[in-house]
């Protein structure tokens, strides 16, 4: 398994791509990124209430307006993603498909609780609420509340990602600067902290089980081992151009990773060897 390291990141800063489009009324905020098996890239723009479709040159070639702020994003099928959306009245998961280079909205699942992060494994959905992690069927039937943070602080169960084998769920605790590794049943296997990781937000697991996590307040991207126990590398810092990173996704076909940032029209793409 190839391991990213600081020495293999090409250049001292990421390649910069602007994802703002004329219909946008606010600065972009790319809360989540997903790359389909067809190499098409989707980004969730929270402040502009839309999902955008990018081509392989990171140009926006389509968008889909949503009825609330998108927060999390995960792939369901080769052409479909699920997006968590929220505002004061809406707590939902919106399904969106890519059809001939266009984004098309499909069904929507409504929930009583907040919907922040989302991950998919087999036919099941994992949804974070800010303080809890739930497991649902693909039809929206509650299977289990897997984990709850009892401190009652907000953003303690913020985003989530699932290992390729489905046996581990990784959860970011932004408030207390932690990454938790949970077993299938919600048991906490380990807790990761590091001085280089402040306010972890976006988290991503590559096809090889590498865990990438954004330090929103430390301006870092860290790589953890597949157990979530150990830091393997700091892949990027503010010296590399990072400023409030909130989402990250590995693009295996181009040997790179993409970073979205808070209140920023630009994404960064770091090449690796």
Protein backbone atom coordinates (compact mmCIF):
# COMPACT_ATOMS: atom_id res chain seq x y z
CA UNK A 1 0.00 0.00 0.00
CA UNK A 2 1.37 3.38 -0.99
CA UNK A 3 1.68 5.86 1.87
CA UNK A 4 1.56 9.60 1.41
CA UNK A 5 4.38 11.53 3.01
CA UNK A 6 5.35 15.19 3.02
CA UNK A 7 8.28 14.44 0.74
CA UNK A 8 6.01 12.95 -1.93
CA UNK A 9 3.69 15.96 -2.19
CA UNK A 10 4.72 17.74 -5.38
CA UNK A 11 5.52 21.40 -4.90
CA UNK A 12 5.11 23.63 -1.89
CA UNK A 13 1.48 24.49 -2.51
CA UNK A 14 -1.60 22.97 -4.05
CA UNK A 15 -2.89 23.69 -7.52
CA UNK A 16 -5.71 26.23 -7.18
CA UNK A 17 -9.06 25.94 -8.95
CA UNK A 18 -11.98 28.35 -8.67
CA UNK A 19 -15.39 26.66 -8.34
CA UNK A 20 -17.53 29.80 -8.16
CA UNK A 21 -20.19 30.11 -10.87
CA UNK A 22 -22.36 33.07 -11.96
CA UNK A 23 -25.47 31.89 -10.10
CA UNK A 24 -23.66 31.91 -6.73
CA UNK A 25 -24.82 34.66 -4.38
CA UNK A 26 -22.34 33.90 -1.59
CA UNK A 27 -18.74 32.86 -1.21
CA UNK A 28 -18.34 29.15 -1.79
CA UNK A 29 -17.93 26.81 1.13
CA UNK A 30 -17.05 23.31 -0.04
CA UNK A 31 -18.17 21.18 2.89
CA UNK A 32 -17.78 17.82 1.15
CA UNK A 33 -16.17 16.26 -1.93
CA UNK A 34 -16.90 12.95 -3.66
CA UNK A 35 -15.29 11.34 -6.70
CA UNK A 36 -17.35 8.83 -8.63
CA UNK A 37 -15.90 5.72 -10.26
CA UNK A 38 -16.21 7.56 -13.59
CA UNK A 39 -13.74 10.16 -12.22
CA UNK A 40 -16.44 12.81 -12.13
CA UNK A 41 -16.08 15.08 -9.13
CA UNK A 42 -18.95 16.40 -7.03
CA UNK A 43 -18.62 19.11 -4.40
CA UNK A 44 -21.20 20.30 -1.87
CA UNK A 45 -21.31 24.11 -1.72
CA UNK A 46 -22.93 24.84 1.63
CA UNK A 47 -23.42 28.58 1.40
CA UNK A 48 -24.85 28.48 -2.13
CA UNK A 49 -27.22 25.56 -1.46
CA UNK A 50 -26.06 23.42 -4.34
CA UNK A 51 -24.00 20.47 -5.50
CA UNK A 52 -21.58 21.14 -8.34
CA UNK A 53 -20.22 18.74 -10.93
CA UNK A 54 -16.58 19.19 -11.97
CA UNK A 55 -14.75 17.65 -14.89
CA UNK A 56 -11.27 16.15 -14.65
CA UNK A 57 -9.75 19.62 -15.13
CA UNK A 58 -11.75 20.81 -12.09
CA UNK A 59 -14.02 23.04 -14.15
CA UNK A 60 -17.65 23.36 -13.04
CA UNK A 61 -19.77 21.79 -15.79
CA UNK A 62 -23.07 21.45 -13.94
CA UNK A 63 -24.89 22.16 -10.72
CA UNK A 64 -28.01 21.12 -8.84
CA UNK A 65 -29.92 23.54 -6.60
CA UNK A 66 -31.00 22.22 -3.21
CA UNK A 67 -33.69 23.34 -0.77
CA UNK A 68 -31.27 23.66 2.17
CA UNK A 69 -27.56 23.81 3.03
CA UNK A 70 -25.60 20.71 1.95
CA UNK A 71 -23.17 19.40 4.53
CA UNK A 72 -22.09 15.81 3.82
CA UNK A 73 -21.72 13.85 0.59
CA UNK A 74 -21.10 10.17 -0.20
CA UNK A 75 -21.31 7.85 -3.19
CA UNK A 76 -24.20 5.37 -3.33
CA UNK A 77 -23.85 3.88 -6.84
CA UNK A 78 -21.48 4.63 -9.75
CA UNK A 79 -23.78 7.49 -10.78
CA UNK A 80 -25.57 8.47 -7.55
CA UNK A 81 -24.62 10.30 -4.36
CA UNK A 82 -26.41 11.09 -1.11
CA UNK A 83 -26.23 14.62 0.29
CA UNK A 84 -27.16 15.69 3.82
CA UNK A 85 -29.09 18.97 3.74
CA UNK A 86 -30.24 21.13 6.62
CA UNK A 87 -31.72 24.43 7.70
CA UNK A 88 -34.13 25.47 10.46
CA UNK A 89 -36.97 23.46 8.90
CA UNK A 90 -35.25 20.76 6.85
CA UNK A 91 -33.22 17.76 8.06
CA UNK A 92 -32.85 15.39 5.15
CA UNK A 93 -30.77 13.29 2.80
CA UNK A 94 -31.15 14.25 -0.86
CA UNK A 95 -30.14 11.74 -3.55
CA UNK A 96 -28.57 13.20 -6.68
CA UNK A 97 -27.62 11.36 -9.89
CA UNK A 98 -25.28 12.20 -12.75
CA UNK A 99 -27.13 11.81 -16.04
CA UNK A 100 -25.36 12.74 -19.26
CA UNK A 101 -23.23 15.37 -17.58
CA UNK A 102 -26.22 16.81 -15.70
CA UNK A 103 -27.10 16.55 -12.02
CA UNK A 104 -30.62 15.31 -11.36
CA UNK A 105 -32.37 15.25 -7.98
CA UNK A 106 -34.04 12.01 -6.93
CA UNK A 107 -35.74 10.91 -3.74
CA UNK A 108 -35.31 12.65 -0.40
CA UNK A 109 -35.35 11.08 3.07
CA UNK A 110 -36.64 13.24 5.92
CA UNK A 111 -35.39 12.98 9.51
CA UNK A 112 -36.32 14.47 12.86
CA UNK A 113 -32.71 15.10 13.85
CA UNK A 114 -29.96 17.22 12.28
CA UNK A 115 -28.07 15.71 9.35
CA UNK A 116 -24.37 16.63 9.17
CA UNK A 117 -21.96 13.96 7.95
CA UNK A 118 -22.85 10.89 5.91
CA UNK A 119 -21.16 7.66 4.82
CA UNK A 120 -22.38 4.59 2.95
CA UNK A 121 -21.51 0.92 3.33
CA UNK A 122 -23.24 -1.97 1.61
CA UNK A 123 -26.88 -0.81 1.67
CA UNK A 124 -26.68 1.19 4.89
CA UNK A 125 -26.28 4.89 5.63
CA UNK A 126 -24.33 6.35 8.54
CA UNK A 127 -25.50 9.85 9.51
CA UNK A 128 -24.05 12.18 12.13
CA UNK A 129 -26.16 14.81 13.90
CA UNK A 130 -23.45 16.84 15.59
CA UNK A 131 -23.71 14.81 18.80
CA UNK A 132 -24.82 11.34 17.62
CA UNK A 133 -24.13 8.72 14.96
CA UNK A 134 -27.06 6.77 13.51
CA UNK A 135 -27.19 3.78 11.21
CA UNK A 136 -30.09 3.68 8.74
CA UNK A 137 -31.14 1.42 5.92
CA UNK A 138 -30.99 2.84 2.43
CA UNK A 139 -34.74 3.45 2.68
CA UNK A 140 -34.34 5.56 5.79
CA UNK A 141 -35.39 2.98 8.38
CA UNK A 142 -33.55 3.40 11.68
CA UNK A 143 -31.34 0.40 12.41
CA UNK A 144 -29.41 1.63 15.43
CA UNK A 145 -28.08 4.65 17.24
CA UNK A 146 -24.43 3.62 17.23
CA UNK A 147 -22.84 6.37 19.29
CA UNK A 148 -23.70 9.43 21.34
CA UNK A 149 -21.41 12.04 22.84
CA UNK A 150 -22.71 12.67 26.34
CA UNK A 151 -20.85 15.95 26.89
CA UNK A 152 -23.77 17.68 25.13
CA UNK A 153 -21.32 19.95 23.30
CA UNK A 154 -22.12 20.64 19.67
CA UNK A 155 -19.91 19.35 16.82
CA UNK A 156 -18.64 16.39 18.85
CA UNK A 157 -19.92 13.87 16.28
CA UNK A 158 -19.43 15.95 13.17
CA UNK A 159 -18.39 13.93 10.10
CA UNK A 160 -17.87 10.23 9.48
CA UNK A 161 -16.23 7.80 7.08
CA UNK A 162 -16.24 4.00 6.81
CA UNK A 163 -13.26 1.71 6.19
CA UNK A 164 -13.22 -0.25 2.90
CA UNK A 165 -14.06 -3.47 4.76
CA UNK A 166 -16.87 -1.81 6.70
CA UNK A 167 -15.55 -2.91 10.07
CA UNK A 168 -14.55 0.55 11.31
CA UNK A 169 -16.30 3.93 11.34
CA UNK A 170 -14.20 7.06 11.80
CA UNK A 171 -15.84 10.09 13.43
CA UNK A 172 -14.49 13.61 13.92
CA UNK A 173 -15.00 15.40 17.23
CA UNK A 174 -14.38 19.00 16.24
CA UNK A 175 -15.01 20.51 19.68
CA UNK A 176 -12.47 18.34 21.51
CA UNK A 177 -9.97 17.94 18.62
CA UNK A 178 -10.32 14.16 18.31
CA UNK A 179 -10.85 11.41 15.76
CA UNK A 180 -12.72 8.38 17.09
CA UNK A 181 -12.54 4.90 15.62
CA UNK A 182 -15.69 2.87 16.23
CA UNK A 183 -16.46 -0.80 15.66
CA UNK A 184 -19.53 -1.87 13.67
CA UNK A 185 -21.59 -1.92 16.87
CA UNK A 186 -20.51 1.58 17.91
CA UNK A 187 -17.91 0.52 20.47
CA UNK A 188 -15.05 3.03 20.68
CA UNK A 189 -11.87 1.23 19.62
CA UNK A 190 -9.49 4.16 19.96
CA UNK A 191 -9.26 7.94 20.16
CA UNK A 192 -6.69 9.95 18.22
CA UNK A 193 -5.37 13.39 19.18
CA UNK A 194 -2.35 15.31 17.94
CA UNK A 195 -0.97 18.85 18.37
CA UNK A 196 -1.21 19.27 14.58
CA UNK A 197 -4.94 18.50 14.56
CA UNK A 198 -7.24 21.26 15.81
CA UNK A 199 -10.98 21.24 15.09
CA UNK A 200 -11.04 18.20 12.77
CA UNK A 201 -13.81 18.59 10.22
CA UNK A 202 -13.72 16.64 6.95
CA UNK A 203 -12.55 13.03 7.00
CA UNK A 204 -12.00 10.60 4.12
CA UNK A 205 -10.89 6.98 3.83
CA UNK A 206 -9.18 5.94 0.61
CA UNK A 207 -9.76 2.65 -1.18
CA UNK A 208 -6.58 1.35 0.48
CA UNK A 209 -7.79 2.27 3.97
CA UNK A 210 -5.72 5.43 4.44
CA UNK A 211 -7.46 7.98 6.65
CA UNK A 212 -7.19 11.65 5.67
CA UNK A 213 -8.50 14.31 8.05
CA UNK A 214 -8.68 18.12 7.94
CA UNK A 215 -7.54 20.25 10.84
CA UNK A 216 -9.83 23.22 10.37
CA UNK A 217 -8.19 25.41 13.01
CA UNK A 218 -4.64 24.05 12.58
CA UNK A 219 -4.68 24.46 8.76
CA UNK A 220 -3.45 20.90 8.25
CA UNK A 221 -4.24 17.69 6.41
CA UNK A 222 -3.12 14.60 8.34
CA UNK A 223 -2.84 11.00 7.26
CA UNK A 224 -3.60 8.36 9.89
CA UNK A 225 -3.10 4.64 9.74
CA UNK A 226 -6.01 2.38 8.88
CA UNK A 227 -6.81 1.87 12.58
CA UNK A 228 -7.03 5.58 13.32
CA UNK A 229 -4.41 5.20 16.04
CA UNK A 230 -1.27 6.75 14.61
CA UNK A 231 -0.29 9.75 12.50
CA UNK A 232 1.68 8.66 9.46
CA UNK A 233 2.24 12.07 7.89
CA UNK A 234 1.24 15.71 7.80
CA UNK A 235 0.34 16.11 4.14
CA UNK A 236 -0.24 19.85 4.11
CA UNK A 237 0.01 22.96 6.28
CA UNK A 238 -0.69 26.67 5.89
CA UNK A 239 2.78 26.94 4.32
CA UNK A 240 1.35 24.84 1.49
CA UNK A 241 -1.55 27.22 1.02
CA UNK A 242 -4.11 25.65 3.36
CA UNK A 243 -6.48 28.04 5.11
CA UNK A 244 -9.39 26.61 7.15
CA UNK A 245 -9.61 23.25 5.34
CA UNK A 246 -12.99 21.61 5.90
CA UNK A 247 -13.15 18.76 3.37
CA UNK A 248 -10.73 16.35 1.72
CA UNK A 249 -10.99 13.56 -0.84
CA UNK A 250 -8.39 11.37 -2.52
CA UNK A 251 -8.43 11.15 -6.33
CA UNK A 252 -6.82 7.80 -6.96
CA UNK A 253 -6.83 8.07 -10.76
CA UNK A 254 -4.74 11.28 -10.72
CA UNK A 255 -2.64 10.49 -7.62
CA UNK A 256 -3.83 13.61 -5.84
CA UNK A 257 -6.08 14.80 -3.05
CA UNK A 258 -8.58 17.64 -3.19
CA UNK A 259 -9.19 20.07 -0.34
CA UNK A 260 -12.19 22.34 0.20
CA UNK A 261 -11.88 25.37 2.46
CA UNK A 262 -14.14 27.49 4.64
CA UNK A 263 -15.66 30.58 3.01
CA UNK A 264 -13.43 30.22 -0.04
CA UNK A 265 -14.23 30.03 -3.76
CA UNK A 266 -11.12 27.95 -4.43
CA UNK A 267 -10.26 24.29 -3.94
CA UNK A 268 -6.68 23.04 -3.68
CA UNK A 269 -5.36 19.93 -5.42
CA UNK A 270 -2.13 18.36 -4.16
CA UNK A 271 -0.29 15.92 -6.39
CA UNK A 272 1.42 12.94 -4.75
CA UNK A 273 3.85 10.33 -6.00
